[in-house]
Amino acid sequence: MAVKKNVQCSIVIKVQTGTTTTGKASYTSRSFGDINPEISDDNVLSIGQKLAGLQKYDLGSVNREDTAEIAQA
C-alpha cells in the first residue's frame, strides 16, 4: 500500500504584468510556500486574493500546488 510523505503546499498567484506585441495579456507567477497542507481551497482562494491586493499588478488567477512523496507502507 502506498502512503504520502513530506506533503507540501504552496499558493501561486498569477498577475498580469503587461501585454505582448500581439495584444495578449502577459503574466508572471508569484509563489508563496510553506502553507499548511490541511488548508481548505476556500482559504487558499481568500489568501491568494489578499496577497494579490498587495501586488502592483492585477490578479489573473490563484492556484494551489500540492506535492508529496509517495512511498511503500
N, C-alpha and C. Protein backbone atom coordinates (compact mmCIF):
# COMPACT_ATOMS: atom_id res chain seq x y z
N MET A 1 0.85 -1.19 0.00
CA MET A 1 0.00 0.00 0.00
C MET A 1 0.89 1.25 0.00
N ALA A 2 0.53 2.20 -0.80
CA ALA A 2 1.29 3.44 -0.90
C ALA A 2 0.79 4.47 0.11
N VAL A 3 1.71 5.27 0.62
CA VAL A 3 1.37 6.33 1.57
C VAL A 3 2.07 7.63 1.13
N LYS A 4 1.46 8.75 1.50
CA LYS A 4 2.05 10.06 1.21
C LYS A 4 2.97 10.46 2.36
N LYS A 5 4.14 11.02 2.00
CA LYS A 5 5.07 11.55 2.99
C LYS A 5 5.54 12.91 2.52
N ASN A 6 5.96 13.73 3.46
CA ASN A 6 6.52 15.05 3.15
C ASN A 6 5.59 15.89 2.28
N VAL A 7 4.33 15.98 2.69
CA VAL A 7 3.35 16.76 1.94
C VAL A 7 3.66 18.25 2.09
N GLN A 8 3.71 18.96 0.97
CA GLN A 8 3.96 20.39 0.97
C GLN A 8 2.90 21.09 0.13
N CYS A 9 2.61 22.32 0.51
CA CYS A 9 1.59 23.09 -0.21
C CYS A 9 2.11 24.51 -0.44
N SER A 10 1.78 25.07 -1.60
CA SER A 10 2.11 26.47 -1.87
C SER A 10 0.95 27.12 -2.62
N ILE A 11 0.87 28.42 -2.47
CA ILE A 11 -0.13 29.22 -3.18
C ILE A 11 0.62 29.98 -4.27
N VAL A 12 0.11 29.89 -5.49
CA VAL A 12 0.72 30.59 -6.62
C VAL A 12 -0.31 31.56 -7.18
N ILE A 13 0.06 32.83 -7.22
CA ILE A 13 -0.84 33.80 -7.85
C ILE A 13 -0.21 34.23 -9.17
N LYS A 14 -1.05 34.36 -10.15
CA LYS A 14 -0.64 34.79 -11.48
C LYS A 14 -1.14 36.22 -11.66
N VAL A 15 -0.20 37.14 -11.93
CA VAL A 15 -0.57 38.55 -12.10
C VAL A 15 -0.26 39.01 -13.51
N GLN A 16 -1.12 39.87 -14.02
CA GLN A 16 -0.93 40.39 -15.38
C GLN A 16 0.07 41.54 -15.32
N THR A 17 1.21 41.34 -15.97
CA THR A 17 2.28 42.33 -15.91
C THR A 17 2.35 43.22 -17.15
N GLY A 18 1.50 42.96 -18.12
CA GLY A 18 1.51 43.76 -19.34
C GLY A 18 0.85 43.03 -20.47
N THR A 19 1.23 43.40 -21.69
CA THR A 19 0.69 42.75 -22.88
C THR A 19 1.82 42.40 -23.83
N THR A 20 1.57 41.40 -24.66
CA THR A 20 2.55 41.01 -25.67
C THR A 20 2.43 41.93 -26.89
N THR A 21 3.31 41.74 -27.85
CA THR A 21 3.25 42.56 -29.06
C THR A 21 2.00 42.30 -29.87
N THR A 22 1.35 41.13 -29.64
CA THR A 22 0.11 40.81 -30.34
C THR A 22 -1.12 41.26 -29.56
N GLY A 23 -0.90 41.88 -28.39
CA GLY A 23 -2.03 42.39 -27.61
C GLY A 23 -2.58 41.43 -26.57
N LYS A 24 -2.01 40.24 -26.46
CA LYS A 24 -2.47 39.29 -25.44
C LYS A 24 -1.86 39.64 -24.09
N ALA A 25 -2.56 39.27 -23.04
CA ALA A 25 -2.08 39.54 -21.68
C ALA A 25 -0.82 38.74 -21.39
N SER A 26 0.11 39.37 -20.69
CA SER A 26 1.36 38.74 -20.28
C SER A 26 1.31 38.57 -18.76
N TYR A 27 1.65 37.37 -18.27
CA TYR A 27 1.52 37.06 -16.85
C TYR A 27 2.85 36.65 -16.22
N THR A 28 2.96 36.89 -14.93
CA THR A 28 4.07 36.43 -14.11
C THR A 28 3.48 35.73 -12.89
N SER A 29 4.13 34.66 -12.45
CA SER A 29 3.65 33.93 -11.28
C SER A 29 4.46 34.30 -10.05
N ARG A 30 3.77 34.37 -8.94
CA ARG A 30 4.40 34.60 -7.64
C ARG A 30 4.00 33.43 -6.74
N SER A 31 4.99 32.79 -6.12
CA SER A 31 4.75 31.59 -5.32
C SER A 31 5.00 31.87 -3.85
N PHE A 32 4.11 31.37 -3.00
CA PHE A 32 4.21 31.51 -1.55
C PHE A 32 4.15 30.11 -0.95
N GLY A 33 5.28 29.66 -0.40
CA GLY A 33 5.39 28.29 0.08
C GLY A 33 5.16 28.16 1.58
N ASP A 34 5.39 26.94 2.05
CA ASP A 34 5.24 26.59 3.47
C ASP A 34 3.83 26.84 3.98
N ILE A 35 2.84 26.53 3.16
CA ILE A 35 1.44 26.64 3.54
C ILE A 35 1.00 25.31 4.15
N ASN A 36 0.21 25.36 5.19
CA ASN A 36 -0.29 24.14 5.82
C ASN A 36 -1.09 23.34 4.80
N PRO A 37 -0.72 22.08 4.54
CA PRO A 37 -1.44 21.27 3.54
C PRO A 37 -2.89 20.97 3.90
N GLU A 38 -3.26 21.19 5.15
CA GLU A 38 -4.64 20.94 5.59
C GLU A 38 -5.57 22.10 5.27
N ILE A 39 -5.04 23.21 4.75
CA ILE A 39 -5.85 24.39 4.46
C ILE A 39 -6.90 24.07 3.39
N SER A 40 -8.08 24.64 3.55
CA SER A 40 -9.16 24.40 2.59
C SER A 40 -8.93 25.22 1.32
N ASP A 41 -9.54 24.79 0.24
CA ASP A 41 -9.44 25.52 -1.03
C ASP A 41 -10.04 26.91 -0.91
N ASP A 42 -11.11 27.06 -0.13
CA ASP A 42 -11.72 28.38 0.08
C ASP A 42 -10.72 29.33 0.74
N ASN A 43 -9.97 28.82 1.72
CA ASN A 43 -8.97 29.65 2.38
C ASN A 43 -7.81 29.98 1.45
N VAL A 44 -7.41 29.03 0.60
CA VAL A 44 -6.35 29.29 -0.37
C VAL A 44 -6.78 30.44 -1.29
N LEU A 45 -8.00 30.39 -1.77
CA LEU A 45 -8.50 31.45 -2.65
C LEU A 45 -8.52 32.80 -1.93
N SER A 46 -9.02 32.81 -0.71
CA SER A 46 -9.10 34.05 0.07
C SER A 46 -7.71 34.64 0.32
N ILE A 47 -6.76 33.80 0.71
CA ILE A 47 -5.39 34.27 0.95
C ILE A 47 -4.76 34.76 -0.35
N GLY A 48 -4.96 34.01 -1.41
CA GLY A 48 -4.41 34.40 -2.71
C GLY A 48 -4.93 35.75 -3.17
N GLN A 49 -6.21 36.00 -2.97
CA GLN A 49 -6.80 37.28 -3.35
C GLN A 49 -6.25 38.42 -2.50
N LYS A 50 -6.04 38.14 -1.21
CA LYS A 50 -5.48 39.17 -0.33
C LYS A 50 -4.03 39.47 -0.69
N LEU A 51 -3.26 38.42 -1.00
CA LEU A 51 -1.87 38.63 -1.43
C LEU A 51 -1.83 39.42 -2.74
N ALA A 52 -2.76 39.13 -3.63
CA ALA A 52 -2.82 39.85 -4.91
C ALA A 52 -3.11 41.33 -4.70
N GLY A 53 -3.87 41.64 -3.67
CA GLY A 53 -4.18 43.02 -3.36
C GLY A 53 -2.94 43.83 -2.97
N LEU A 54 -1.89 43.13 -2.56
CA LEU A 54 -0.63 43.78 -2.19
C LEU A 54 0.31 43.96 -3.38
N GLN A 55 -0.07 43.40 -4.51
CA GLN A 55 0.77 43.44 -5.70
C GLN A 55 0.49 44.69 -6.52
N LYS A 56 1.47 45.07 -7.31
CA LYS A 56 1.34 46.23 -8.20
C LYS A 56 0.41 45.93 -9.37
N TYR A 57 0.35 44.65 -9.78
CA TYR A 57 -0.38 44.24 -10.98
C TYR A 57 -1.71 43.57 -10.64
N ASP A 58 -2.58 43.47 -11.66
CA ASP A 58 -3.90 42.86 -11.49
C ASP A 58 -3.80 41.34 -11.40
N LEU A 59 -4.68 40.74 -10.61
CA LEU A 59 -4.72 39.29 -10.43
C LEU A 59 -5.26 38.60 -11.67
N GLY A 60 -4.55 37.55 -12.10
CA GLY A 60 -5.02 36.72 -13.20
C GLY A 60 -5.70 35.47 -12.66
N SER A 61 -5.03 34.77 -11.72
CA SER A 61 -5.61 33.57 -11.13
C SER A 61 -4.88 33.21 -9.83
N VAL A 62 -5.55 32.39 -9.02
CA VAL A 62 -4.97 31.84 -7.80
C VAL A 62 -4.89 30.33 -7.98
N ASN A 63 -3.72 29.76 -7.72
CA ASN A 63 -3.52 28.32 -7.88
C ASN A 63 -2.96 27.72 -6.61
N ARG A 64 -3.27 26.46 -6.42
CA ARG A 64 -2.74 25.70 -5.29
C ARG A 64 -1.87 24.59 -5.85
N GLU A 65 -0.67 24.44 -5.29
CA GLU A 65 0.23 23.36 -5.71
C GLU A 65 0.55 22.50 -4.50
N ASP A 66 0.16 21.24 -4.57
CA ASP A 66 0.45 20.26 -3.53
C ASP A 66 1.45 19.26 -4.08
N THR A 67 2.48 18.95 -3.30
CA THR A 67 3.44 17.92 -3.67
C THR A 67 3.63 16.99 -2.50
N ALA A 68 3.90 15.74 -2.81
CA ALA A 68 4.13 14.74 -1.77
C ALA A 68 4.98 13.61 -2.32
N GLU A 69 5.73 13.00 -1.44
CA GLU A 69 6.48 11.81 -1.80
C GLU A 69 5.57 10.61 -1.59
N ILE A 70 5.50 9.73 -2.56
CA ILE A 70 4.70 8.51 -2.44
C ILE A 70 5.66 7.36 -2.15
N ALA A 71 5.41 6.66 -1.05
CA ALA A 71 6.31 5.58 -0.63
C ALA A 71 5.51 4.32 -0.28
N GLN A 72 6.20 3.23 -0.28
CA GLN A 72 5.61 1.94 0.12
C GLN A 72 5.41 1.96 1.63
N ALA A 73 4.25 1.52 2.08
CA ALA A 73 3.95 1.49 3.53
C ALA A 73 4.67 0.33 4.19
